[in-house]
Amino acid sequence: MNLNVTENKERHRFEATVGSGLALIEYIRAKNGVYLTHTEVPEKEEGEGVGTELVKQTLEMLQEEGVKIVPQCPFVAHYIRENPEWKSMIADGYHV
């Protein structure tokens, strides 16, 4: 899947335009890391891997920044459980 994920700093989210709208991950930046709070994919694209690719690219972008994450969104937490190579990014004191 080829998504073009960008950070919309003004709206505090990572986002990508997909066929029927916008897929996004909302976040809150804090001292101890970036809290990933909510993932949303348009209904028509659900089950097509859009959310998975969105999370992957978002984590890659945050990894490049060198920040820790707090996966509050159940979808993001599930992705990290299924792809444990990302667990090292989780902020101290948090688990998935």
PDB file of N, CA and C in Angstrom:
ATOM      1  N   MET A   1       0.846  -1.185   0.000  1.00  0.00           N
ATOM      2  CA  MET A   1       0.000   0.000   0.000  1.00  0.00           C
ATOM      3  C   MET A   1       0.885   1.240   0.000  1.00  0.00           C
ATOM      4  N   ASN A   2       0.518   2.207  -0.791  1.00  0.00           N
ATOM      5  CA  ASN A   2       1.307   3.416  -0.929  1.00  0.00           C
ATOM      6  C   ASN A   2       0.516   4.615  -0.411  1.00  0.00           C
ATOM      7  N   LEU A   3       0.753   4.957   0.854  1.00  0.00           N
ATOM      8  CA  LEU A   3       0.128   6.140   1.443  1.00  0.00           C
ATOM      9  C   LEU A   3       1.162   7.246   1.543  1.00  0.00           C
ATOM     10  N   ASN A   4       0.712   8.471   1.470  1.00  0.00           N
ATOM     11  CA  ASN A   4       1.578   9.619   1.682  1.00  0.00           C
ATOM     12  C   ASN A   4       1.181  10.247   3.014  1.00  0.00           C
ATOM     13  N   VAL A   5       1.799   9.777   4.097  1.00  0.00           N
ATOM     14  CA  VAL A   5       1.472  10.239   5.436  1.00  0.00           C
ATOM     15  C   VAL A   5       2.262  11.507   5.737  1.00  0.00           C
ATOM     16  N   THR A   6       1.565  12.518   6.214  1.00  0.00           N
ATOM     17  CA  THR A   6       2.207  13.773   6.603  1.00  0.00           C
ATOM     18  C   THR A   6       1.733  14.148   7.997  1.00  0.00           C
ATOM     19  N   GLU A   7       2.505  15.004   8.647  1.00  0.00           N
ATOM     20  CA  GLU A   7       2.109  15.504   9.962  1.00  0.00           C
ATOM     21  C   GLU A   7       1.420  16.853   9.798  1.00  0.00           C
ATOM     22  N   ASN A   8       0.217  16.948  10.310  1.00  0.00           N
ATOM     23  CA  ASN A   8      -0.514  18.204  10.337  1.00  0.00           C
ATOM     24  C   ASN A   8      -0.364  18.739  11.754  1.00  0.00           C
ATOM     25  N   LYS A   9       0.664  19.554  11.976  1.00  0.00           N
ATOM     26  CA  LYS A   9       0.978  20.041  13.321  1.00  0.00           C
ATOM     27  C   LYS A   9      -0.128  20.912  13.883  1.00  0.00           C
ATOM     28  N   GLU A  10      -0.774  21.680  13.022  1.00  0.00           N
ATOM     29  CA  GLU A  10      -1.849  22.569  13.466  1.00  0.00           C
ATOM     30  C   GLU A  10      -3.024  21.784  14.052  1.00  0.00           C
ATOM     31  N   ARG A  11      -3.330  20.628  13.450  1.00  0.00           N
ATOM     32  CA  ARG A  11      -4.474  19.810  13.895  1.00  0.00           C
ATOM     33  C   ARG A  11      -4.045  18.645  14.785  1.00  0.00           C
ATOM     34  N   HIS A  12      -2.744  18.554  15.063  1.00  0.00           N
ATOM     35  CA  HIS A  12      -2.184  17.526  15.954  1.00  0.00           C
ATOM     36  C   HIS A  12      -2.532  16.120  15.481  1.00  0.00           C
ATOM     37  N   ARG A  13      -2.158  15.838  14.240  1.00  0.00           N
ATOM     38  CA  ARG A  13      -2.426  14.507  13.720  1.00  0.00           C
ATOM     39  C   ARG A  13      -1.516  14.194  12.538  1.00  0.00           C
ATOM     40  N   PHE A  14      -1.329  12.894  12.329  1.00  0.00           N
ATOM     41  CA  PHE A  14      -0.693  12.388  11.130  1.00  0.00           C
ATOM     42  C   PHE A  14      -1.835  11.986  10.219  1.00  0.00           C
ATOM     43  N   GLU A  15      -1.711  12.270   8.932  1.00  0.00           N
ATOM     44  CA  GLU A  15      -2.850  12.040   8.054  1.00  0.00           C
ATOM     45  C   GLU A  15      -2.408  11.653   6.650  1.00  0.00           C
ATOM     46  N   ALA A  16      -3.342  11.001   5.960  1.00  0.00           N
ATOM     47  CA  ALA A  16      -3.123  10.609   4.561  1.00  0.00           C
ATOM     48  C   ALA A  16      -4.462  10.629   3.855  1.00  0.00           C
ATOM     49  N   THR A  17      -4.472  11.182   2.669  1.00  0.00           N
ATOM     50  CA  THR A  17      -5.677  11.173   1.851  1.00  0.00           C
ATOM     51  C   THR A  17      -5.816   9.795   1.220  1.00  0.00           C
ATOM     52  N   VAL A  18      -7.014   9.227   1.347  1.00  0.00           N
ATOM     53  CA  VAL A  18      -7.316   7.924   0.745  1.00  0.00           C
ATOM     54  C   VAL A  18      -8.537   8.097  -0.144  1.00  0.00           C
ATOM     55  N   GLY A  19      -8.955   7.045  -0.819  1.00  0.00           N
ATOM     56  CA  GLY A  19     -10.032   7.112  -1.796  1.00  0.00           C
ATOM     57  C   GLY A  19     -11.266   7.876  -1.379  1.00  0.00           C
ATOM     58  N   SER A  20     -11.773   7.636  -0.176  1.00  0.00           N
ATOM     59  CA  SER A  20     -13.035   8.276   0.210  1.00  0.00           C
ATOM     60  C   SER A  20     -12.883   9.318   1.315  1.00  0.00           C
ATOM     61  N   GLY A  21     -11.678   9.763   1.571  1.00  0.00           N
ATOM     62  CA  GLY A  21     -11.526  10.785   2.601  1.00  0.00           C
ATOM     63  C   GLY A  21     -10.138  10.824   3.196  1.00  0.00           C
ATOM     64  N   LEU A  22     -10.094  10.957   4.521  1.00  0.00           N
ATOM     65  CA  LEU A  22      -8.840  11.156   5.230  1.00  0.00           C
ATOM     66  C   LEU A  22      -8.678  10.085   6.296  1.00  0.00           C
ATOM     67  N   ALA A  23      -7.527   9.430   6.305  1.00  0.00           N
ATOM     68  CA  ALA A  23      -7.152   8.523   7.380  1.00  0.00           C
ATOM     69  C   ALA A  23      -6.226   9.307   8.300  1.00  0.00           C
ATOM     70  N   LEU A  24      -6.365   9.117   9.607  1.00  0.00           N
ATOM     71  CA  LEU A  24      -5.581   9.947  10.520  1.00  0.00           C
ATOM     72  C   LEU A  24      -5.280   9.250  11.835  1.00  0.00           C
ATOM     73  N   ILE A  25      -4.216   9.723  12.479  1.00  0.00           N
ATOM     74  CA  ILE A  25      -3.876   9.361  13.849  1.00  0.00           C
ATOM     75  C   ILE A  25      -3.704  10.668  14.608  1.00  0.00           C
ATOM     76  N   GLU A  26      -4.536  10.881  15.612  1.00  0.00           N
ATOM     77  CA  GLU A  26      -4.428  12.076  16.448  1.00  0.00           C
ATOM     78  C   GLU A  26      -3.373  11.846  17.524  1.00  0.00           C
ATOM     79  N   TYR A  27      -2.718  12.924  17.936  1.00  0.00           N
ATOM     80  CA  TYR A  27      -1.668  12.795  18.941  1.00  0.00           C
ATOM     81  C   TYR A  27      -1.623  14.012  19.857  1.00  0.00           C
ATOM     82  N   ILE A  28      -0.929  13.817  20.971  1.00  0.00           N
ATOM     83  CA  ILE A  28      -0.605  14.888  21.908  1.00  0.00           C
ATOM     84  C   ILE A  28       0.890  14.784  22.168  1.00  0.00           C
ATOM     85  N   ARG A  29       1.606  15.862  21.970  1.00  0.00           N
ATOM     86  CA  ARG A  29       3.038  15.876  22.278  1.00  0.00           C
ATOM     87  C   ARG A  29       3.225  16.337  23.719  1.00  0.00           C
ATOM     88  N   ALA A  30       4.025  15.584  24.469  1.00  0.00           N
ATOM     89  CA  ALA A  30       4.314  15.897  25.868  1.00  0.00           C
ATOM     90  C   ALA A  30       5.809  15.713  26.110  1.00  0.00           C
ATOM     91  N   LYS A  31       6.262  16.051  27.299  1.00  0.00           N
ATOM     92  CA  LYS A  31       7.694  15.934  27.616  1.00  0.00           C
ATOM     93  C   LYS A  31       8.198  14.509  27.521  1.00  0.00           C
ATOM     94  N   ASN A  32       7.376  13.550  27.951  1.00  0.00           N
ATOM     95  CA  ASN A  32       7.851  12.166  27.989  1.00  0.00           C
ATOM     96  C   ASN A  32       7.588  11.409  26.695  1.00  0.00           C
ATOM     97  N   GLY A  33       6.941  12.036  25.724  1.00  0.00           N
ATOM     98  CA  GLY A  33       6.714  11.357  24.463  1.00  0.00           C
ATOM     99  C   GLY A  33       5.512  11.872  23.705  1.00  0.00           C
ATOM    100  N   VAL A  34       5.167  11.156  22.660  1.00  0.00           N
ATOM    101  CA  VAL A  34       4.022  11.498  21.825  1.00  0.00           C
ATOM    102  C   VAL A  34       2.924  10.477  22.114  1.00  0.00           C
ATOM    103  N   TYR A  35       1.801  10.978  22.599  1.00  0.00           N
ATOM    104  CA  TYR A  35       0.647  10.139  22.907  1.00  0.00           C
ATOM    105  C   TYR A  35      -0.178   9.972  21.639  1.00  0.00           C
ATOM    106  N   LEU A  36      -0.263   8.750  21.152  1.00  0.00           N
ATOM    107  CA  LEU A  36      -1.074   8.458  19.967  1.00  0.00           C
ATOM    108  C   LEU A  36      -2.452   8.062  20.490  1.00  0.00           C
ATOM    109  N   THR A  37      -3.433   8.950  20.295  1.00  0.00           N
ATOM    110  CA  THR A  37      -4.705   8.828  21.012  1.00  0.00           C
ATOM    111  C   THR A  37      -5.856   8.228  20.214  1.00  0.00           C
ATOM    112  N   HIS A  38      -5.841   8.370  18.899  1.00  0.00           N
ATOM    113  CA  HIS A  38      -7.003   7.929  18.126  1.00  0.00           C
ATOM    114  C   HIS A  38      -6.609   7.710  16.674  1.00  0.00           C
ATOM    115  N   THR A  39      -7.053   6.588  16.115  1.00  0.00           N
ATOM    116  CA  THR A  39      -6.839   6.294  14.696  1.00  0.00           C
ATOM    117  C   THR A  39      -8.199   6.216  14.017  1.00  0.00           C
ATOM    118  N   GLU A  40      -8.274   6.802  12.838  1.00  0.00           N
ATOM    119  CA  GLU A  40      -9.539   6.815  12.104  1.00  0.00           C
ATOM    120  C   GLU A  40      -9.270   6.549  10.626  1.00  0.00           C
ATOM    121  N   VAL A  41     -10.050   5.642  10.052  1.00  0.00           N
ATOM    122  CA  VAL A  41      -9.965   5.314   8.632  1.00  0.00           C
ATOM    123  C   VAL A  41     -11.382   5.403   8.071  1.00  0.00           C
ATOM    124  N   PRO A  42     -11.562   6.024   6.903  1.00  0.00           N
ATOM    125  CA  PRO A  42     -12.901   6.070   6.321  1.00  0.00           C
ATOM    126  C   PRO A  42     -13.494   4.661   6.184  1.00  0.00           C
ATOM    127  N   GLU A  43     -14.776   4.559   6.388  1.00  0.00           N
ATOM    128  CA  GLU A  43     -15.459   3.265   6.386  1.00  0.00           C
ATOM    129  C   GLU A  43     -15.195   2.459   5.111  1.00  0.00           C
ATOM    130  N   LYS A  44     -15.170   3.126   3.970  1.00  0.00           N
ATOM    131  CA  LYS A  44     -14.964   2.414   2.700  1.00  0.00           C
ATOM    132  C   LYS A  44     -13.580   1.765   2.600  1.00  0.00           C
ATOM    133  N   GLU A  45     -12.611   2.270   3.356  1.00  0.00           N
ATOM    134  CA  GLU A  45     -11.248   1.733   3.308  1.00  0.00           C
ATOM    135  C   GLU A  45     -10.938   0.790   4.472  1.00  0.00           C
ATOM    136  N   GLU A  46     -11.881   0.590   5.373  1.00  0.00           N
ATOM    137  CA  GLU A  46     -11.641  -0.311   6.497  1.00  0.00           C
ATOM    138  C   GLU A  46     -11.378  -1.723   5.987  1.00  0.00           C
ATOM    139  N   GLY A  47     -10.434  -2.389   6.613  1.00  0.00           N
ATOM    140  CA  GLY A  47     -10.103  -3.759   6.234  1.00  0.00           C
ATOM    141  C   GLY A  47      -9.194  -3.892   5.030  1.00  0.00           C
ATOM    142  N   GLU A  48      -8.724  -2.776   4.499  1.00  0.00           N
ATOM    143  CA  GLU A  48      -7.858  -2.808   3.313  1.00  0.00           C
ATOM    144  C   GLU A  48      -6.389  -2.529   3.638  1.00  0.00           C
ATOM    145  N   GLY A  49      -6.049  -2.450   4.921  1.00  0.00           N
ATOM    146  CA  GLY A  49      -4.664  -2.224   5.316  1.00  0.00           C
ATOM    147  C   GLY A  49      -4.273  -0.767   5.458  1.00  0.00           C
ATOM    148  N   VAL A  50      -5.231   0.145   5.294  1.00  0.00           N
ATOM    149  CA  VAL A  50      -4.923   1.574   5.381  1.00  0.00           C
ATOM    150  C   VAL A  50      -4.450   1.932   6.790  1.00  0.00           C
ATOM    151  N   GLY A  51      -5.176   1.475   7.798  1.00  0.00           N
ATOM    152  CA  GLY A  51      -4.803   1.783   9.185  1.00  0.00           C
ATOM    153  C   GLY A  51      -3.441   1.225   9.542  1.00  0.00           C
ATOM    154  N   THR A  52      -3.175   0.019   9.111  1.00  0.00           N
ATOM    155  CA  THR A  52      -1.886  -0.610   9.387  1.00  0.00           C
ATOM    156  C   THR A  52      -0.744   0.188   8.762  1.00  0.00           C
ATOM    157  N   GLU A  53      -0.892   0.573   7.519  1.00  0.00           N
ATOM    158  CA  GLU A  53       0.150   1.351   6.842  1.00  0.00           C
ATOM    159  C   GLU A  53       0.289   2.736   7.467  1.00  0.00           C
ATOM    160  N   LEU A  54      -0.815   3.325   7.878  1.00  0.00           N
ATOM    161  CA  LEU A  54      -0.785   4.632   8.538  1.00  0.00           C
ATOM    162  C   LEU A  54       0.017   4.553   9.830  1.00  0.00           C
ATOM    163  N   VAL A  55      -0.237   3.542  10.639  1.00  0.00           N
ATOM    164  CA  VAL A  55       0.500   3.375  11.899  1.00  0.00           C
ATOM    165  C   VAL A  55       1.979   3.147  11.604  1.00  0.00           C
ATOM    166  N   LYS A  56       2.282   2.276  10.674  1.00  0.00           N
ATOM    167  CA  LYS A  56       3.680   1.974  10.337  1.00  0.00           C
ATOM    168  C   LYS A  56       4.430   3.236   9.938  1.00  0.00           C
ATOM    169  N   GLN A  57       3.863   4.008   9.024  1.00  0.00           N
ATOM    170  CA  GLN A  57       4.552   5.219   8.569  1.00  0.00           C
ATOM    171  C   GLN A  57       4.650   6.268   9.678  1.00  0.00           C
ATOM    172  N   THR A  58       3.631   6.362  10.502  1.00  0.00           N
ATOM    173  CA  THR A  58       3.672   7.301  11.629  1.00  0.00           C
ATOM    174  C   THR A  58       4.800   6.920  12.586  1.00  0.00           C
ATOM    175  N   LEU A  59       4.901   5.640  12.922  1.00  0.00           N
ATOM    176  CA  LEU A  59       5.973   5.192  13.811  1.00  0.00           C
ATOM    177  C   LEU A  59       7.343   5.435  13.183  1.00  0.00           C
ATOM    178  N   GLU A  60       7.469   5.231  11.905  1.00  0.00           N
ATOM    179  CA  GLU A  60       8.741   5.500  11.222  1.00  0.00           C
ATOM    180  C   GLU A  60       9.114   6.975  11.335  1.00  0.00           C
ATOM    181  N   MET A  61       8.138   7.850  11.154  1.00  0.00           N
ATOM    182  CA  MET A  61       8.402   9.291  11.247  1.00  0.00           C
ATOM    183  C   MET A  61       8.825   9.672  12.662  1.00  0.00           C
ATOM    184  N   LEU A  62       8.139   9.118  13.656  1.00  0.00           N
ATOM    185  CA  LEU A  62       8.466   9.423  15.044  1.00  0.00           C
ATOM    186  C   LEU A  62       9.805   8.817  15.448  1.00  0.00           C
ATOM    187  N   GLN A  63      10.121   7.663  14.898  1.00  0.00           N
ATOM    188  CA  GLN A  63      11.414   7.038  15.172  1.00  0.00           C
ATOM    189  C   GLN A  63      12.547   7.923  14.654  1.00  0.00           C
ATOM    190  N   GLU A  64      12.357   8.513  13.489  1.00  0.00           N
ATOM    191  CA  GLU A  64      13.362   9.424  12.932  1.00  0.00           C
ATOM    192  C   GLU A  64      13.582  10.629  13.834  1.00  0.00           C
ATOM    193  N   GLU A  65      12.528  11.075  14.516  1.00  0.00           N
ATOM    194  CA  GLU A  65      12.639  12.192  15.457  1.00  0.00           C
ATOM    195  C   GLU A  65      13.343  11.778  16.739  1.00  0.00           C
ATOM    196  N   GLY A  66      13.345  10.473  17.023  1.00  0.00           N
ATOM    197  CA  GLY A  66      13.967   9.986  18.243  1.00  0.00           C
ATOM    198  C   GLY A  66      13.094  10.155  19.481  1.00  0.00           C
ATOM    199  N   VAL A  67      11.781  10.247  19.290  1.00  0.00           N
ATOM    200  CA  VAL A  67      10.883  10.433  20.437  1.00  0.00           C
ATOM    201  C   VAL A  67      10.302   9.095  20.886  1.00  0.00           C
ATOM    202  N   LYS A  68       9.854   9.066  22.115  1.00  0.00           N
ATOM    203  CA  LYS A  68       9.148   7.913  22.655  1.00  0.00           C
ATOM    204  C   LYS A  68       7.655   8.100  22.394  1.00  0.00           C
ATOM    205  N   ILE A  69       6.928   6.995  22.413  1.00  0.00           N
ATOM    206  CA  ILE A  69       5.489   7.065  22.158  1.00  0.00           C
ATOM    207  C   ILE A  69       4.713   6.445  23.311  1.00  0.00           C
ATOM    208  N   VAL A  70       3.461   6.863  23.434  1.00  0.00           N
ATOM    209  CA  VAL A  70       2.508   6.271  24.360  1.00  0.00           C
ATOM    210  C   VAL A  70       1.300   5.879  23.518  1.00  0.00           C
ATOM    211  N   PRO A  71       1.164   4.587  23.218  1.00  0.00           N
ATOM    212  CA  PRO A  71       0.077   4.136  22.341  1.00  0.00           C
ATOM    213  C   PRO A  71      -1.244   3.988  23.094  1.00  0.00           C
ATOM    214  N   GLN A  72      -1.964   5.085  23.266  1.00  0.00           N
ATOM    215  CA  GLN A  72      -3.258   5.046  23.945  1.00  0.00           C
ATOM    216  C   GLN A  72      -4.360   4.502  23.045  1.00  0.00           C
ATOM    217  N   CYS A  73      -4.207   4.636  21.761  1.00  0.00           N
ATOM    218  CA  CYS A  73      -5.189   4.135  20.809  1.00  0.00           C
ATOM    219  C   CYS A  73      -5.083   2.607  20.747  1.00  0.00           C
ATOM    220  N   PRO A  74      -6.195   1.903  20.929  1.00  0.00           N
ATOM    221  CA  PRO A  74      -6.152   0.436  20.874  1.00  0.00           C
ATOM    222  C   PRO A  74      -5.617  -0.113  19.557  1.00  0.00           C
ATOM    223  N   PHE A  75      -5.896   0.542  18.448  1.00  0.00           N
ATOM    224  CA  PHE A  75      -5.407   0.062  17.153  1.00  0.00           C
ATOM    225  C   PHE A  75      -3.885   0.150  17.090  1.00  0.00           C
ATOM    226  N   VAL A  76      -3.323   1.264  17.562  1.00  0.00           N
ATOM    227  CA  VAL A  76      -1.870   1.432  17.570  1.00  0.00           C
ATOM    228  C   VAL A  76      -1.235   0.413  18.517  1.00  0.00           C
ATOM    229  N   ALA A  77      -1.815   0.237  19.700  1.00  0.00           N
ATOM    230  CA  ALA A  77      -1.289  -0.734  20.662  1.00  0.00           C
ATOM    231  C   ALA A  77      -1.304  -2.137  20.072  1.00  0.00           C
ATOM    232  N   HIS A  78      -2.381  -2.500  19.389  1.00  0.00           N
ATOM    233  CA  HIS A  78      -2.485  -3.811  18.755  1.00  0.00           C
ATOM    234  C   HIS A  78      -1.402  -3.978  17.686  1.00  0.00           C
ATOM    235  N   TYR A  79      -1.190  -2.948  16.888  1.00  0.00           N
ATOM    236  CA  TYR A  79      -0.152  -3.005  15.852  1.00  0.00           C
ATOM    237  C   TYR A  79       1.211  -3.277  16.478  1.00  0.00           C
ATOM    238  N   ILE A  80       1.508  -2.601  17.588  1.00  0.00           N
ATOM    239  CA  ILE A  80       2.810  -2.783  18.236  1.00  0.00           C
ATOM    240  C   ILE A  80       2.919  -4.182  18.851  1.00  0.00           C
ATOM    241  N   ARG A  81       1.839  -4.695  19.417  1.00  0.00           N
ATOM    242  CA  ARG A  81       1.863  -6.073  19.930  1.00  0.00           C
ATOM    243  C   ARG A  81       2.158  -7.071  18.809  1.00  0.00           C
ATOM    244  N   GLU A  82       1.608  -6.816  17.633  1.00  0.00           N
ATOM    245  CA  GLU A  82       1.809  -7.703  16.484  1.00  0.00           C
ATOM    246  C   GLU A  82       3.164  -7.494  15.805  1.00  0.00           C
ATOM    247  N   ASN A  83       3.784  -6.348  16.054  1.00  0.00           N
ATOM    248  CA  ASN A  83       5.075  -5.990  15.444  1.00  0.00           C
ATOM    249  C   ASN A  83       6.011  -5.516  16.551  1.00  0.00           C
ATOM    250  N   PRO A  84       6.534  -6.449  17.359  1.00  0.00           N
ATOM    251  CA  PRO A  84       7.278  -6.088  18.571  1.00  0.00           C
ATOM    252  C   PRO A  84       8.561  -5.300  18.336  1.00  0.00           C
ATOM    253  N   GLU A  85       8.994  -5.200  17.093  1.00  0.00           N
ATOM    254  CA  GLU A  85      10.199  -4.394  16.834  1.00  0.00           C
ATOM    255  C   GLU A  85       9.984  -2.925  17.198  1.00  0.00           C
ATOM    256  N   TRP A  86       8.737  -2.505  17.364  1.00  0.00           N
ATOM    257  CA  TRP A  86       8.429  -1.115  17.722  1.00  0.00           C
ATOM    258  C   TRP A  86       8.358  -0.900  19.232  1.00  0.00           C
ATOM    259  N   LYS A  87       8.394  -1.955  20.025  1.00  0.00           N
ATOM    260  CA  LYS A  87       8.239  -1.818  21.484  1.00  0.00           C
ATOM    261  C   LYS A  87       9.307  -0.936  22.118  1.00  0.00           C
ATOM    262  N   SER A  88      10.472  -0.871  21.513  1.00  0.00           N
ATOM    263  CA  SER A  88      11.544  -0.045  22.076  1.00  0.00           C
ATOM    264  C   SER A  88      11.205   1.447  22.039  1.00  0.00           C
ATOM    265  N   MET A  89      10.215   1.829  21.261  1.00  0.00           N
ATOM    266  CA  MET A  89       9.805   3.230  21.171  1.00  0.00           C
ATOM    267  C   MET A  89       8.848   3.646  22.290  1.00  0.00           C
ATOM    268  N   ILE A  90       8.314   2.683  23.004  1.00  0.00           N
ATOM    269  CA  ILE A  90       7.303   2.995  24.024  1.00  0.00           C
ATOM    270  C   ILE A  90       7.964   3.694  25.205  1.00  0.00           C
ATOM    271  N   ALA A  91       7.361   4.780  25.669  1.00  0.00           N
ATOM    272  CA  ALA A  91       7.882   5.562  26.782  1.00  0.00           C
ATOM    273  C   ALA A  91       7.941   4.714  28.049  1.00  0.00           C
ATOM    274  N   ASP A  92       8.907   5.012  28.901  1.00  0.00           N
ATOM    275  CA  ASP A  92       9.058   4.294  30.161  1.00  0.00           C
ATOM    276  C   ASP A  92       7.761   4.326  30.961  1.00  0.00           C
ATOM    277  N   GLY A  93       7.432   3.177  31.535  1.00  0.00           N
ATOM    278  CA  GLY A  93       6.238   3.084  32.369  1.00  0.00           C
ATOM    279  C   GLY A  93       4.974   2.701  31.625  1.00  0.00           C
ATOM    280  N   TYR A  94       5.070   2.546  30.319  1.00  0.00           N
ATOM    281  CA  TYR A  94       3.886   2.189  29.514  1.00  0.00           C
ATOM    282  C   TYR A  94       4.121   0.844  28.837  1.00  0.00           C
ATOM    283  N   HIS A  95       3.034   0.130  28.614  1.00  0.00           N
ATOM    284  CA  HIS A  95       3.116  -1.199  28.003  1.00  0.00           C
ATOM    285  C   HIS A  95       1.967  -1.373  27.026  1.00  0.00           C
ATOM    286  N   VAL A  96       2.099  -2.345  26.128  1.00  0.00           N
ATOM    287  CA  VAL A  96       1.003  -2.699  25.224  1.00  0.00           C
ATOM    288  C   VAL A  96       0.633  -4.159  25.425  1.00  0.00           C
TER     289      VAL A  96
END
